[in-house]
Amino acid sequence: MTEAVVDAGPLIHLAELGALDVLADLDVLRVADAVWEEVQKHQPTALQDAALKLQRLAPPAASAELLVLTQALLLDRGEVESLCVLEAYAQSWFLTDDAAARLAATQRGYQVHGTIGLLIRSVRRERRAANDVLQRLRKIPQQSTLHIRPALLQEILQGLEREWDLR
């Protein structure tokens, strides 16, 4: 069973790219209240996808260690609440596109994936065609609010084209 705690970024960015279905094979997607509110504000259709097994949760209190870490990294309310939920469901993946939240999660030993990794995973799991994912990745700068350096995106695209033998 694959469970995940989801930050706002992947829900918003995958919806912008028309690719929320890459989350449909996850057994449960736990969404902290603050994240739910953020997605509701910026991309409400992401919360209405019937194929996603979304579960809205009030976050438990943060451990003292997590509280210090989130304050040091200046994480926003959504990321803090997500990490609190992740503490309660430690076997879950953490889905986020925020670099500081990713750092906090990996430092605490959690498995972290972002929008780009989820799209790539969909090819490896044969849920999407490689060409489709490459096309969506190329559209990130114009069609998504995901912030990624153009040179890094180009490097990712070239690596995937080689890996998937699509040159």
Protein backbone atom coordinates (compact mmCIF):
# COMPACT_ATOMS: atom_id res chain seq x y z
CA MET A 1 0.00 0.00 0.00
CA THR A 2 1.41 3.39 -1.03
CA GLU A 3 0.32 6.33 1.05
CA ALA A 4 1.38 9.96 0.77
CA VAL A 5 1.11 13.25 2.56
CA VAL A 6 0.67 15.93 -0.09
CA ASP A 7 1.82 19.53 0.02
CA ALA A 8 0.03 22.08 -2.18
CA GLY A 9 2.67 22.23 -4.91
CA PRO A 10 2.21 18.83 -6.55
CA LEU A 11 -1.60 19.08 -6.47
CA ILE A 12 -1.54 22.56 -8.02
CA HIS A 13 1.20 21.88 -10.56
CA LEU A 14 -0.14 18.52 -11.71
CA ALA A 15 -3.59 20.09 -12.14
CA GLU A 16 -2.07 22.92 -14.18
CA LEU A 17 -0.38 20.34 -16.40
CA GLY A 18 -3.51 18.20 -16.74
CA ALA A 19 -1.78 15.29 -15.04
CA LEU A 20 -3.48 14.69 -11.69
CA ASP A 21 -4.07 11.11 -12.79
CA VAL A 22 -0.44 10.29 -11.96
CA LEU A 23 -1.56 10.30 -8.31
CA ALA A 24 -4.50 7.94 -8.86
CA ASP A 25 -2.53 4.77 -8.09
CA LEU A 26 -1.67 5.97 -4.58
CA ASP A 27 -3.87 4.36 -1.96
CA VAL A 28 -4.40 7.48 0.12
CA LEU A 29 -3.36 11.12 -0.23
CA ARG A 30 -3.41 12.87 3.14
CA VAL A 31 -3.87 16.62 2.91
CA ALA A 32 -3.39 18.90 5.91
CA ASP A 33 -6.03 21.59 6.48
CA ALA A 34 -3.73 24.49 5.48
CA VAL A 35 -2.77 22.72 2.26
CA TRP A 36 -6.40 21.98 1.47
CA GLU A 37 -7.21 25.68 1.90
CA GLU A 38 -4.28 26.74 -0.31
CA VAL A 39 -5.24 24.34 -3.10
CA GLN A 40 -8.89 25.37 -2.75
CA LYS A 41 -7.81 28.98 -3.32
CA HIS A 42 -5.41 28.40 -6.24
CA GLN A 43 -6.58 25.22 -8.00
CA PRO A 44 -9.90 23.96 -6.55
CA THR A 45 -10.46 21.42 -9.33
CA ALA A 46 -7.51 19.43 -7.94
CA LEU A 47 -9.61 18.63 -4.87
CA GLN A 48 -12.58 17.48 -6.94
CA ASP A 49 -10.86 14.73 -8.94
CA ALA A 50 -12.88 11.61 -8.13
CA ALA A 51 -9.95 9.32 -9.01
CA LEU A 52 -7.85 10.69 -6.16
CA LYS A 53 -8.26 9.24 -2.69
CA LEU A 54 -7.88 12.52 -0.83
CA GLN A 55 -8.20 12.61 2.94
CA ARG A 56 -8.29 16.01 4.63
CA LEU A 57 -6.74 16.04 8.11
CA ALA A 58 -6.32 18.45 10.96
CA PRO A 59 -2.62 18.25 11.73
CA PRO A 60 -1.42 16.83 15.03
CA ALA A 61 0.94 18.92 17.14
CA ALA A 62 4.54 19.03 15.95
CA SER A 63 7.24 17.30 17.93
CA ALA A 64 9.79 19.62 19.53
CA GLU A 65 12.43 18.52 16.99
CA LEU A 66 10.15 19.19 14.05
CA LEU A 67 9.11 22.55 15.43
CA VAL A 68 12.74 23.70 15.70
CA LEU A 69 13.50 22.43 12.19
CA THR A 70 10.48 24.08 10.55
CA GLN A 71 11.24 27.39 12.29
CA ALA A 72 14.89 27.25 11.21
CA LEU A 73 13.85 26.62 7.61
CA LEU A 74 11.11 29.28 7.69
CA LEU A 75 8.49 26.88 6.37
CA ASP A 76 4.98 28.17 5.75
CA ARG A 77 1.88 26.88 7.51
CA GLY A 78 1.04 24.31 4.81
CA GLU A 79 4.46 22.72 4.87
CA VAL A 80 4.56 22.69 8.69
CA GLU A 81 1.13 21.05 8.88
CA SER A 82 2.11 18.54 6.19
CA LEU A 83 5.23 17.57 8.12
CA CYS A 84 3.15 17.19 11.29
CA VAL A 85 0.82 14.81 9.44
CA LEU A 86 3.87 13.02 8.05
CA GLU A 87 5.15 12.46 11.59
CA ALA A 88 1.88 10.70 12.39
CA TYR A 89 2.02 8.62 9.18
CA ALA A 90 5.77 8.06 8.94
CA GLN A 91 5.48 5.23 6.41
CA SER A 92 3.99 7.69 3.90
CA TRP A 93 5.77 9.44 1.08
CA PHE A 94 5.93 13.23 1.23
CA LEU A 95 4.93 14.94 -2.00
CA THR A 96 6.27 18.49 -2.22
CA ASP A 97 7.98 20.87 -4.62
CA ASP A 98 9.32 23.13 -1.87
CA ALA A 99 13.10 22.78 -1.46
CA ALA A 100 13.12 23.65 2.26
CA ALA A 101 10.25 21.26 3.03
CA ARG A 102 12.06 18.56 1.05
CA LEU A 103 15.20 19.20 3.11
CA ALA A 104 13.26 18.96 6.37
CA ALA A 105 11.61 15.70 5.32
CA THR A 106 14.75 14.01 4.04
CA GLN A 107 16.65 15.07 7.17
CA ARG A 108 13.99 13.25 9.18
CA GLY A 109 14.29 10.14 6.98
CA TYR A 110 11.12 10.44 4.89
CA GLN A 111 10.85 9.53 1.22
CA VAL A 112 10.13 12.67 -0.82
CA HIS A 113 8.84 13.11 -4.38
CA GLY A 114 7.93 16.20 -6.37
CA THR A 115 5.87 16.98 -9.46
CA ILE A 116 8.63 16.09 -11.92
CA GLY A 117 9.44 12.83 -10.16
CA LEU A 118 5.76 11.88 -10.09
CA LEU A 119 5.47 12.47 -13.83
CA ILE A 120 8.56 10.35 -14.47
CA ARG A 121 7.23 7.64 -12.16
CA SER A 122 4.06 7.49 -14.27
CA VAL A 123 6.14 6.38 -17.28
CA ARG A 124 8.07 3.82 -15.28
CA ARG A 125 4.78 2.41 -13.97
CA GLU A 126 3.37 2.42 -17.54
CA ARG A 127 0.54 4.81 -16.65
CA ARG A 128 1.64 7.44 -19.19
CA ALA A 129 3.63 7.39 -22.41
CA ALA A 130 7.14 8.81 -22.35
CA ASN A 131 6.38 11.31 -25.11
CA ASP A 132 3.36 12.57 -23.18
CA VAL A 133 5.43 13.18 -20.06
CA LEU A 134 8.19 14.90 -22.02
CA GLN A 135 5.58 17.16 -23.62
CA ARG A 136 4.14 18.08 -20.21
CA LEU A 137 7.60 18.71 -18.77
CA ARG A 138 8.38 21.05 -21.67
CA LYS A 139 5.18 22.99 -20.89
CA ILE A 140 6.11 23.65 -17.25
CA PRO A 141 7.43 27.20 -17.84
CA GLN A 142 4.32 28.32 -19.76
CA GLN A 143 1.55 26.23 -18.23
CA SER A 144 2.56 25.81 -14.59
CA THR A 145 3.54 27.87 -11.58
CA LEU A 146 6.27 25.34 -10.73
CA HIS A 147 9.54 27.22 -10.33
CA ILE A 148 12.50 25.42 -11.88
CA ARG A 149 15.65 26.80 -13.41
CA PRO A 150 15.42 26.51 -17.21
CA ALA A 151 18.87 24.89 -17.38
CA LEU A 152 17.84 22.22 -14.84
CA LEU A 153 14.63 21.49 -16.73
CA GLN A 154 16.62 21.16 -19.96
CA GLU A 155 19.05 18.80 -18.26
CA ILE A 156 16.17 16.66 -17.00
CA LEU A 157 14.58 16.56 -20.45
CA GLN A 158 17.83 15.54 -22.12
CA GLY A 159 18.46 12.83 -19.53
CA LEU A 160 14.98 11.41 -20.00
CA GLU A 161 15.24 11.48 -23.79
CA ARG A 162 18.44 9.44 -23.49
CA GLU A 163 17.00 7.07 -20.88
CA TRP A 164 13.82 6.51 -22.86
CA ASP A 165 15.71 6.43 -26.19
CA LEU A 166 13.61 9.22 -27.72
CA ARG A 167 16.24 11.27 -29.54
